[in-house]
Amino acid sequence: MLPKHKLIARQQLDKALSGYAIAKQTSVPVKGWVRAIREALGMSGKQLANRLNVSQPRIPKLEQDEVSGSVSLKTMRQAAEAMDCVFVYAIVPRTTLEETVRAQARTVAAARMQSVSHTMMLEAQSLSADEQRASFDAAVDELVLEMPKELWKPEP
């Protein structure tokens, strides 16, 4: 994908995901969503089992699997439907995708500049603080714009 298209994709995803910001502040009920919703609806485990066409002992297992994180997305979707709910699955960035890319670009630019600064210092060609800041900012902007594959390489 071209860098220009990556920027557009990030912007579109950031916009779409902004509606999920509240989800970052919502904690999962201690006993899980399935049980919390089922109980709030006044639905017994047996009733949910009937709606899912499974045996009653499957419901406590499903609820335990959700809490432990081993339930499948398909099962969560089916349980939600059986309770007249919609299962929502999303990966929500802590900040924005753009800020995540920019933070990584700052990390990469800082590592690159450290190497270059050391060489320049040995050659008595070091930059002033303002020149270093301007060079750093330009390097970050270039990395964000070009999105090279090296942007996400692990640090050595």
N, C-alpha and C. Protein backbone atom coordinates (compact mmCIF):
# COMPACT_ATOMS: atom_id res chain seq x y z
N MET A 1 0.85 -1.17 0.00
CA MET A 1 0.00 0.00 0.00
C MET A 1 0.90 1.24 0.00
N LEU A 2 0.55 2.19 -0.80
CA LEU A 2 1.32 3.43 -0.89
C LEU A 2 1.21 4.22 0.40
N PRO A 3 2.29 4.96 0.77
CA PRO A 3 2.25 5.75 2.00
C PRO A 3 1.03 6.68 2.09
N LYS A 4 0.67 7.28 0.97
CA LYS A 4 -0.50 8.18 0.95
C LYS A 4 -1.76 7.42 1.34
N HIS A 5 -1.88 6.19 0.83
CA HIS A 5 -3.05 5.38 1.16
C HIS A 5 -3.02 4.91 2.61
N LYS A 6 -1.83 4.67 3.14
CA LYS A 6 -1.71 4.28 4.56
C LYS A 6 -2.19 5.42 5.45
N LEU A 7 -1.83 6.65 5.08
CA LEU A 7 -2.27 7.82 5.85
C LEU A 7 -3.79 7.92 5.81
N ILE A 8 -4.38 7.77 4.65
CA ILE A 8 -5.84 7.85 4.51
C ILE A 8 -6.50 6.74 5.31
N ALA A 9 -5.94 5.54 5.25
CA ALA A 9 -6.50 4.41 6.00
C ALA A 9 -6.42 4.67 7.50
N ARG A 10 -5.29 5.21 7.98
CA ARG A 10 -5.15 5.55 9.40
C ARG A 10 -6.18 6.59 9.81
N GLN A 11 -6.33 7.61 8.99
CA GLN A 11 -7.29 8.67 9.32
C GLN A 11 -8.71 8.13 9.36
N GLN A 12 -9.07 7.28 8.40
CA GLN A 12 -10.41 6.71 8.38
C GLN A 12 -10.66 5.80 9.58
N LEU A 13 -9.64 4.98 9.92
CA LEU A 13 -9.79 4.10 11.08
C LEU A 13 -9.85 4.90 12.37
N ASP A 14 -9.01 5.93 12.49
CA ASP A 14 -9.06 6.77 13.69
C ASP A 14 -10.45 7.38 13.86
N LYS A 15 -11.03 7.83 12.77
CA LYS A 15 -12.38 8.42 12.83
C LYS A 15 -13.40 7.36 13.23
N ALA A 16 -13.32 6.19 12.61
CA ALA A 16 -14.27 5.11 12.92
C ALA A 16 -14.12 4.63 14.36
N LEU A 17 -12.89 4.56 14.85
CA LEU A 17 -12.63 4.05 16.19
C LEU A 17 -12.89 5.07 17.29
N SER A 18 -13.01 6.33 16.92
CA SER A 18 -13.23 7.37 17.95
C SER A 18 -14.50 7.10 18.74
N GLY A 19 -15.47 6.47 18.12
CA GLY A 19 -16.71 6.13 18.82
C GLY A 19 -16.53 5.07 19.89
N TYR A 20 -15.44 4.35 19.84
CA TYR A 20 -15.16 3.31 20.82
C TYR A 20 -14.34 3.82 22.00
N ALA A 21 -14.04 5.10 22.04
CA ALA A 21 -13.20 5.66 23.11
C ALA A 21 -13.78 5.34 24.48
N ILE A 22 -15.07 5.38 24.61
CA ILE A 22 -15.72 5.09 25.89
C ILE A 22 -15.46 3.64 26.32
N ALA A 23 -15.27 2.75 25.34
CA ALA A 23 -15.03 1.34 25.65
C ALA A 23 -13.74 1.15 26.44
N LYS A 24 -12.77 2.03 26.22
CA LYS A 24 -11.51 1.93 26.95
C LYS A 24 -11.71 2.18 28.44
N GLN A 25 -12.77 2.89 28.77
CA GLN A 25 -13.03 3.24 30.17
C GLN A 25 -14.04 2.30 30.81
N THR A 26 -14.59 1.37 30.03
CA THR A 26 -15.58 0.43 30.52
C THR A 26 -14.88 -0.86 30.92
N SER A 27 -15.06 -1.26 32.17
CA SER A 27 -14.42 -2.50 32.59
C SER A 27 -15.39 -3.68 32.42
N VAL A 28 -14.81 -4.81 32.13
CA VAL A 28 -15.59 -6.04 31.94
C VAL A 28 -16.15 -6.45 33.31
N PRO A 29 -17.41 -6.82 33.37
CA PRO A 29 -17.96 -7.30 34.65
C PRO A 29 -17.14 -8.48 35.18
N VAL A 30 -17.01 -8.57 36.47
CA VAL A 30 -16.19 -9.61 37.09
C VAL A 30 -16.59 -11.01 36.60
N LYS A 31 -17.87 -11.25 36.44
CA LYS A 31 -18.35 -12.57 36.00
C LYS A 31 -18.55 -12.64 34.50
N GLY A 32 -18.12 -11.61 33.77
CA GLY A 32 -18.21 -11.61 32.31
C GLY A 32 -19.50 -10.99 31.80
N TRP A 33 -19.47 -10.65 30.51
CA TRP A 33 -20.61 -9.99 29.88
C TRP A 33 -21.80 -10.93 29.73
N VAL A 34 -21.55 -12.16 29.34
CA VAL A 34 -22.67 -13.08 29.09
C VAL A 34 -23.50 -13.25 30.36
N ARG A 35 -22.83 -13.53 31.46
CA ARG A 35 -23.57 -13.73 32.71
C ARG A 35 -24.23 -12.43 33.17
N ALA A 36 -23.52 -11.32 33.07
CA ALA A 36 -24.08 -10.04 33.52
C ALA A 36 -25.34 -9.70 32.73
N ILE A 37 -25.28 -9.86 31.42
CA ILE A 37 -26.45 -9.54 30.59
C ILE A 37 -27.57 -10.54 30.83
N ARG A 38 -27.21 -11.82 30.88
CA ARG A 38 -28.21 -12.87 31.11
C ARG A 38 -28.96 -12.59 32.42
N GLU A 39 -28.22 -12.31 33.48
CA GLU A 39 -28.86 -12.05 34.78
C GLU A 39 -29.67 -10.76 34.75
N ALA A 40 -29.16 -9.73 34.08
CA ALA A 40 -29.90 -8.46 33.99
C ALA A 40 -31.22 -8.65 33.24
N LEU A 41 -31.23 -9.56 32.29
CA LEU A 41 -32.45 -9.87 31.55
C LEU A 41 -33.40 -10.78 32.34
N GLY A 42 -32.91 -11.34 33.45
CA GLY A 42 -33.72 -12.29 34.22
C GLY A 42 -33.82 -13.63 33.54
N MET A 43 -32.80 -13.95 32.74
CA MET A 43 -32.79 -15.20 31.98
C MET A 43 -31.95 -16.24 32.74
N SER A 44 -32.50 -17.41 32.92
CA SER A 44 -31.75 -18.47 33.60
C SER A 44 -30.74 -19.10 32.64
N GLY A 45 -29.81 -19.85 33.20
CA GLY A 45 -28.86 -20.57 32.37
C GLY A 45 -29.55 -21.57 31.47
N LYS A 46 -30.58 -22.21 32.01
CA LYS A 46 -31.33 -23.19 31.22
C LYS A 46 -32.05 -22.51 30.06
N GLN A 47 -32.60 -21.32 30.29
CA GLN A 47 -33.29 -20.60 29.23
C GLN A 47 -32.31 -20.17 28.13
N LEU A 48 -31.13 -19.70 28.53
CA LEU A 48 -30.13 -19.34 27.53
C LEU A 48 -29.69 -20.58 26.76
N ALA A 49 -29.51 -21.67 27.46
CA ALA A 49 -29.12 -22.93 26.81
C ALA A 49 -30.16 -23.33 25.76
N ASN A 50 -31.43 -23.20 26.10
CA ASN A 50 -32.49 -23.53 25.14
C ASN A 50 -32.42 -22.62 23.92
N ARG A 51 -32.17 -21.36 24.13
CA ARG A 51 -32.09 -20.41 23.02
C ARG A 51 -30.88 -20.67 22.14
N LEU A 52 -29.82 -21.26 22.74
CA LEU A 52 -28.60 -21.58 21.99
C LEU A 52 -28.62 -23.01 21.44
N ASN A 53 -29.64 -23.77 21.81
CA ASN A 53 -29.72 -25.18 21.41
C ASN A 53 -28.53 -25.98 21.92
N VAL A 54 -28.17 -25.74 23.19
CA VAL A 54 -27.10 -26.50 23.83
C VAL A 54 -27.63 -27.02 25.17
N SER A 55 -26.86 -27.90 25.80
CA SER A 55 -27.28 -28.42 27.10
C SER A 55 -27.04 -27.36 28.18
N GLN A 56 -27.82 -27.44 29.25
CA GLN A 56 -27.72 -26.45 30.33
C GLN A 56 -26.32 -26.36 30.93
N PRO A 57 -25.60 -27.50 31.13
CA PRO A 57 -24.26 -27.39 31.70
C PRO A 57 -23.28 -26.61 30.81
N ARG A 58 -23.62 -26.41 29.56
CA ARG A 58 -22.74 -25.66 28.64
C ARG A 58 -22.67 -24.17 29.01
N ILE A 59 -23.73 -23.64 29.63
CA ILE A 59 -23.78 -22.20 29.93
C ILE A 59 -22.74 -21.79 30.99
N PRO A 60 -22.65 -22.47 32.14
CA PRO A 60 -21.59 -22.09 33.08
C PRO A 60 -20.19 -22.23 32.46
N LYS A 61 -20.02 -23.24 31.60
CA LYS A 61 -18.73 -23.42 30.92
C LYS A 61 -18.46 -22.24 29.99
N LEU A 62 -19.47 -21.83 29.24
CA LEU A 62 -19.34 -20.68 28.34
C LEU A 62 -18.97 -19.43 29.15
N GLU A 63 -19.66 -19.23 30.27
CA GLU A 63 -19.40 -18.05 31.10
C GLU A 63 -17.99 -18.09 31.71
N GLN A 64 -17.54 -19.27 32.11
CA GLN A 64 -16.17 -19.41 32.63
C GLN A 64 -15.14 -19.17 31.52
N ASP A 65 -15.43 -19.71 30.34
CA ASP A 65 -14.52 -19.52 29.20
C ASP A 65 -14.39 -18.05 28.83
N GLU A 66 -15.50 -17.32 28.93
CA GLU A 66 -15.42 -15.89 28.64
C GLU A 66 -14.51 -15.19 29.63
N VAL A 67 -14.69 -15.46 30.91
CA VAL A 67 -13.88 -14.81 31.95
C VAL A 67 -12.40 -15.17 31.79
N SER A 68 -12.12 -16.41 31.42
CA SER A 68 -10.71 -16.84 31.27
C SER A 68 -10.11 -16.40 29.94
N GLY A 69 -10.96 -15.96 29.02
CA GLY A 69 -10.46 -15.50 27.72
C GLY A 69 -10.32 -16.59 26.68
N SER A 70 -10.91 -17.75 26.95
CA SER A 70 -10.75 -18.85 26.00
C SER A 70 -12.00 -19.11 25.15
N VAL A 71 -12.98 -18.26 25.26
CA VAL A 71 -14.20 -18.41 24.46
C VAL A 71 -13.93 -17.93 23.04
N SER A 72 -14.58 -18.54 22.07
CA SER A 72 -14.38 -18.11 20.68
C SER A 72 -15.27 -16.91 20.36
N LEU A 73 -14.87 -16.18 19.36
CA LEU A 73 -15.69 -15.05 18.90
C LEU A 73 -17.04 -15.55 18.39
N LYS A 74 -17.02 -16.68 17.72
CA LYS A 74 -18.26 -17.26 17.19
C LYS A 74 -19.24 -17.55 18.33
N THR A 75 -18.74 -18.13 19.42
CA THR A 75 -19.59 -18.45 20.56
C THR A 75 -20.14 -17.18 21.21
N MET A 76 -19.31 -16.17 21.33
CA MET A 76 -19.77 -14.89 21.90
C MET A 76 -20.86 -14.27 21.02
N ARG A 77 -20.66 -14.34 19.72
CA ARG A 77 -21.65 -13.80 18.78
C ARG A 77 -22.98 -14.54 18.94
N GLN A 78 -22.91 -15.87 19.05
CA GLN A 78 -24.13 -16.67 19.20
C GLN A 78 -24.82 -16.37 20.53
N ALA A 79 -24.05 -16.25 21.60
CA ALA A 79 -24.64 -15.95 22.91
C ALA A 79 -25.30 -14.57 22.89
N ALA A 80 -24.65 -13.61 22.27
CA ALA A 80 -25.22 -12.27 22.18
C ALA A 80 -26.54 -12.31 21.43
N GLU A 81 -26.56 -12.99 20.29
CA GLU A 81 -27.79 -13.10 19.49
C GLU A 81 -28.90 -13.76 20.30
N ALA A 82 -28.55 -14.79 21.08
CA ALA A 82 -29.56 -15.51 21.87
C ALA A 82 -30.16 -14.62 22.95
N MET A 83 -29.44 -13.55 23.32
CA MET A 83 -29.95 -12.61 24.33
C MET A 83 -30.42 -11.31 23.69
N ASP A 84 -30.65 -11.33 22.36
CA ASP A 84 -31.09 -10.17 21.60
C ASP A 84 -30.11 -9.00 21.75
N CYS A 85 -28.83 -9.32 21.68
CA CYS A 85 -27.76 -8.33 21.76
C CYS A 85 -26.89 -8.44 20.51
N VAL A 86 -26.01 -7.50 20.37
CA VAL A 86 -25.04 -7.51 19.28
C VAL A 86 -23.66 -7.66 19.91
N PHE A 87 -22.89 -8.61 19.43
CA PHE A 87 -21.53 -8.79 19.91
C PHE A 87 -20.63 -7.83 19.15
N VAL A 88 -19.89 -7.02 19.86
CA VAL A 88 -19.00 -6.03 19.26
C VAL A 88 -17.56 -6.43 19.57
N TYR A 89 -16.76 -6.52 18.53
CA TYR A 89 -15.35 -6.88 18.68
C TYR A 89 -14.53 -5.78 18.02
N ALA A 90 -13.59 -5.22 18.74
CA ALA A 90 -12.76 -4.16 18.17
C ALA A 90 -11.42 -4.13 18.88
N ILE A 91 -10.42 -3.69 18.16
CA ILE A 91 -9.12 -3.39 18.75
C ILE A 91 -9.06 -1.87 18.77
N VAL A 92 -9.02 -1.30 19.96
CA VAL A 92 -9.10 0.14 20.12
C VAL A 92 -7.75 0.69 20.57
N PRO A 93 -7.15 1.57 19.78
CA PRO A 93 -5.85 2.13 20.16
C PRO A 93 -5.95 2.94 21.47
N ARG A 94 -4.87 2.94 22.24
CA ARG A 94 -4.85 3.71 23.48
C ARG A 94 -4.96 5.20 23.19
N THR A 95 -4.33 5.66 22.11
CA THR A 95 -4.43 7.06 21.71
C THR A 95 -5.13 7.07 20.36
N THR A 96 -4.38 7.34 19.29
CA THR A 96 -4.89 7.21 17.92
C THR A 96 -3.84 6.43 17.14
N LEU A 97 -4.23 5.90 16.00
CA LEU A 97 -3.27 5.20 15.15
C LEU A 97 -2.19 6.18 14.69
N GLU A 98 -2.60 7.39 14.38
CA GLU A 98 -1.64 8.41 13.93
C GLU A 98 -0.60 8.70 15.02
N GLU A 99 -1.04 8.83 16.26
CA GLU A 99 -0.11 9.10 17.35
C GLU A 99 0.79 7.89 17.61
N THR A 100 0.28 6.68 17.44
CA THR A 100 1.10 5.48 17.61
C THR A 100 2.21 5.45 16.57
N VAL A 101 1.88 5.76 15.32
CA VAL A 101 2.88 5.79 14.25
C VAL A 101 3.90 6.89 14.54
N ARG A 102 3.42 8.06 14.96
CA ARG A 102 4.31 9.19 15.24
C ARG A 102 5.25 8.87 16.41
N ALA A 103 4.75 8.21 17.43
CA ALA A 103 5.59 7.83 18.57
C ALA A 103 6.68 6.85 18.14
N GLN A 104 6.31 5.89 17.29
CA GLN A 104 7.30 4.93 16.79
C GLN A 104 8.33 5.65 15.91
N ALA A 105 7.86 6.59 15.11
CA ALA A 105 8.78 7.36 14.25
C ALA A 105 9.76 8.16 15.12
N ARG A 106 9.28 8.70 16.23
CA ARG A 106 10.18 9.44 17.14
C ARG A 106 11.25 8.51 17.71
N THR A 107 10.85 7.28 18.06
CA THR A 107 11.80 6.30 18.60
C THR A 107 12.87 5.97 17.56
N VAL A 108 12.44 5.69 16.33
CA VAL A 108 13.38 5.34 15.26
C VAL A 108 14.27 6.54 14.93
N ALA A 109 13.69 7.73 14.83
CA ALA A 109 14.47 8.93 14.51
C ALA A 109 15.50 9.21 15.60
N ALA A 110 15.12 9.03 16.85
CA ALA A 110 16.05 9.27 17.95
C ALA A 110 17.24 8.31 17.88
N ALA A 111 16.97 7.03 17.58
CA ALA A 111 18.05 6.05 17.47
C ALA A 111 18.97 6.39 16.30
N ARG A 112 18.39 6.78 15.19
CA ARG A 112 19.20 7.15 14.03
C ARG A 112 20.03 8.39 14.31
N MET A 113 19.42 9.37 14.94
CA MET A 113 20.13 10.63 15.21
C MET A 113 21.24 10.44 16.23
N GLN A 114 21.03 9.55 17.18
CA GLN A 114 22.06 9.29 18.18
C GLN A 114 23.32 8.78 17.51
N SER A 115 23.15 7.88 16.56
CA SER A 115 24.29 7.34 15.83
C SER A 115 24.98 8.42 15.00
N VAL A 116 24.18 9.21 14.30
CA VAL A 116 24.74 10.28 13.47
C VAL A 116 25.40 11.35 14.33
N SER A 117 24.77 11.72 15.43
CA SER A 117 25.32 12.76 16.31
C SER A 117 26.68 12.36 16.86
N HIS A 118 26.81 11.09 17.22
CA HIS A 118 28.08 10.62 17.75
C HIS A 118 29.19 10.76 16.70
N THR A 119 28.88 10.36 15.47
CA THR A 119 29.86 10.48 14.38
C THR A 119 30.22 11.94 14.12
N MET A 120 29.22 12.80 14.10
CA MET A 120 29.45 14.22 13.83
C MET A 120 30.26 14.86 14.96
N MET A 121 30.02 14.43 16.20
CA MET A 121 30.76 14.96 17.33
C MET A 121 32.23 14.59 17.21
N LEU A 122 32.50 13.35 16.81
CA LEU A 122 33.88 12.91 16.63
C LEU A 122 34.58 13.72 15.54
N GLU A 123 33.80 14.18 14.58
CA GLU A 123 34.37 14.97 13.49
C GLU A 123 34.24 16.47 13.74
N ALA A 124 33.86 16.84 14.98
CA ALA A 124 33.70 18.24 15.37
C ALA A 124 32.71 18.98 14.46
N GLN A 125 31.61 18.33 14.12
CA GLN A 125 30.59 18.93 13.27
C GLN A 125 29.21 18.89 13.94
N SER A 126 29.18 18.97 15.25
CA SER A 126 27.91 18.83 15.94
C SER A 126 26.99 20.01 15.67
N LEU A 127 25.67 19.73 15.75
CA LEU A 127 24.64 20.74 15.49
C LEU A 127 24.24 21.43 16.78
N SER A 128 23.72 22.65 16.65
CA SER A 128 23.19 23.37 17.81
C SER A 128 21.91 22.66 18.26
N ALA A 129 21.44 23.00 19.43
CA ALA A 129 20.22 22.39 19.96
C ALA A 129 19.03 22.64 19.03
N ASP A 130 18.92 23.87 18.52
CA ASP A 130 17.82 24.19 17.60
C ASP A 130 17.94 23.40 16.30
N GLU A 131 19.15 23.25 15.79
CA GLU A 131 19.36 22.49 14.56
C GLU A 131 19.05 21.01 14.79
N GLN A 132 19.44 20.51 15.96
CA GLN A 132 19.14 19.11 16.28
C GLN A 132 17.64 18.87 16.36
N ARG A 133 16.93 19.79 16.99
CA ARG A 133 15.47 19.67 17.13
C ARG A 133 14.80 19.72 15.74
N ALA A 134 15.23 20.66 14.91
CA ALA A 134 14.66 20.79 13.56
C ALA A 134 14.96 19.54 12.74
N SER A 135 16.17 19.03 12.86
CA SER A 135 16.55 17.82 12.13
C SER A 135 15.73 16.61 12.62
N PHE A 136 15.56 16.53 13.92
CA PHE A 136 14.78 15.45 14.52
C PHE A 136 13.32 15.51 14.04
N ASP A 137 12.73 16.70 14.12
CA ASP A 137 11.34 16.86 13.69
C ASP A 137 11.17 16.50 12.21
N ALA A 138 12.14 16.90 11.38
CA ALA A 138 12.08 16.58 9.95
C ALA A 138 12.19 15.07 9.73
N ALA A 139 13.05 14.42 10.51
CA ALA A 139 13.21 12.97 10.39
C ALA A 139 11.92 12.24 10.79
N VAL A 140 11.28 12.71 11.86
CA VAL A 140 10.02 12.10 12.30
C VAL A 140 8.95 12.27 11.22
N ASP A 141 8.83 13.50 10.71
CA ASP A 141 7.83 13.76 9.66
C ASP A 141 8.07 12.89 8.43
N GLU A 142 9.32 12.71 8.06
CA GLU A 142 9.66 11.89 6.90
C GLU A 142 9.28 10.43 7.14
N LEU A 143 9.57 9.93 8.33
CA LEU A 143 9.23 8.54 8.65
C LEU A 143 7.71 8.34 8.64
N VAL A 144 6.97 9.29 9.19
CA VAL A 144 5.51 9.19 9.22
C VAL A 144 4.96 9.24 7.79
N LEU A 145 5.53 10.09 6.97
CA LEU A 145 5.06 10.25 5.60
C LEU A 145 5.38 9.03 4.74
N GLU A 146 6.62 8.53 4.85
CA GLU A 146 7.07 7.44 3.99
C GLU A 146 6.69 6.05 4.50
N MET A 147 6.52 5.90 5.82
CA MET A 147 6.17 4.62 6.43
C MET A 147 7.06 3.47 5.94
N PRO A 148 8.38 3.57 6.11
CA PRO A 148 9.24 2.49 5.65
C PRO A 148 9.00 1.22 6.48
N LYS A 149 9.34 0.08 5.90
CA LYS A 149 9.16 -1.20 6.60
C LYS A 149 9.97 -1.24 7.89
N GLU A 150 11.08 -0.52 7.92
CA GLU A 150 11.95 -0.51 9.10
C GLU A 150 11.31 0.19 10.29
N LEU A 151 10.21 0.88 10.07
CA LEU A 151 9.57 1.63 11.16
C LEU A 151 9.22 0.73 12.33
N TRP A 152 8.82 -0.49 12.04
CA TRP A 152 8.38 -1.40 13.12
C TRP A 152 9.36 -2.52 13.41
N LYS A 153 10.59 -2.40 12.91
CA LYS A 153 11.60 -3.40 13.24
C LYS A 153 11.95 -3.29 14.72
N PRO A 154 12.20 -4.42 15.35
CA PRO A 154 12.61 -4.36 16.77
C PRO A 154 13.96 -3.65 16.91
N GLU A 155 14.10 -2.96 18.02
CA GLU A 155 15.36 -2.28 18.30
C GLU A 155 16.46 -3.33 18.54
N PRO A 156 17.69 -3.06 18.05
CA PRO A 156 18.78 -4.05 18.25
C PRO A 156 19.20 -4.13 19.69
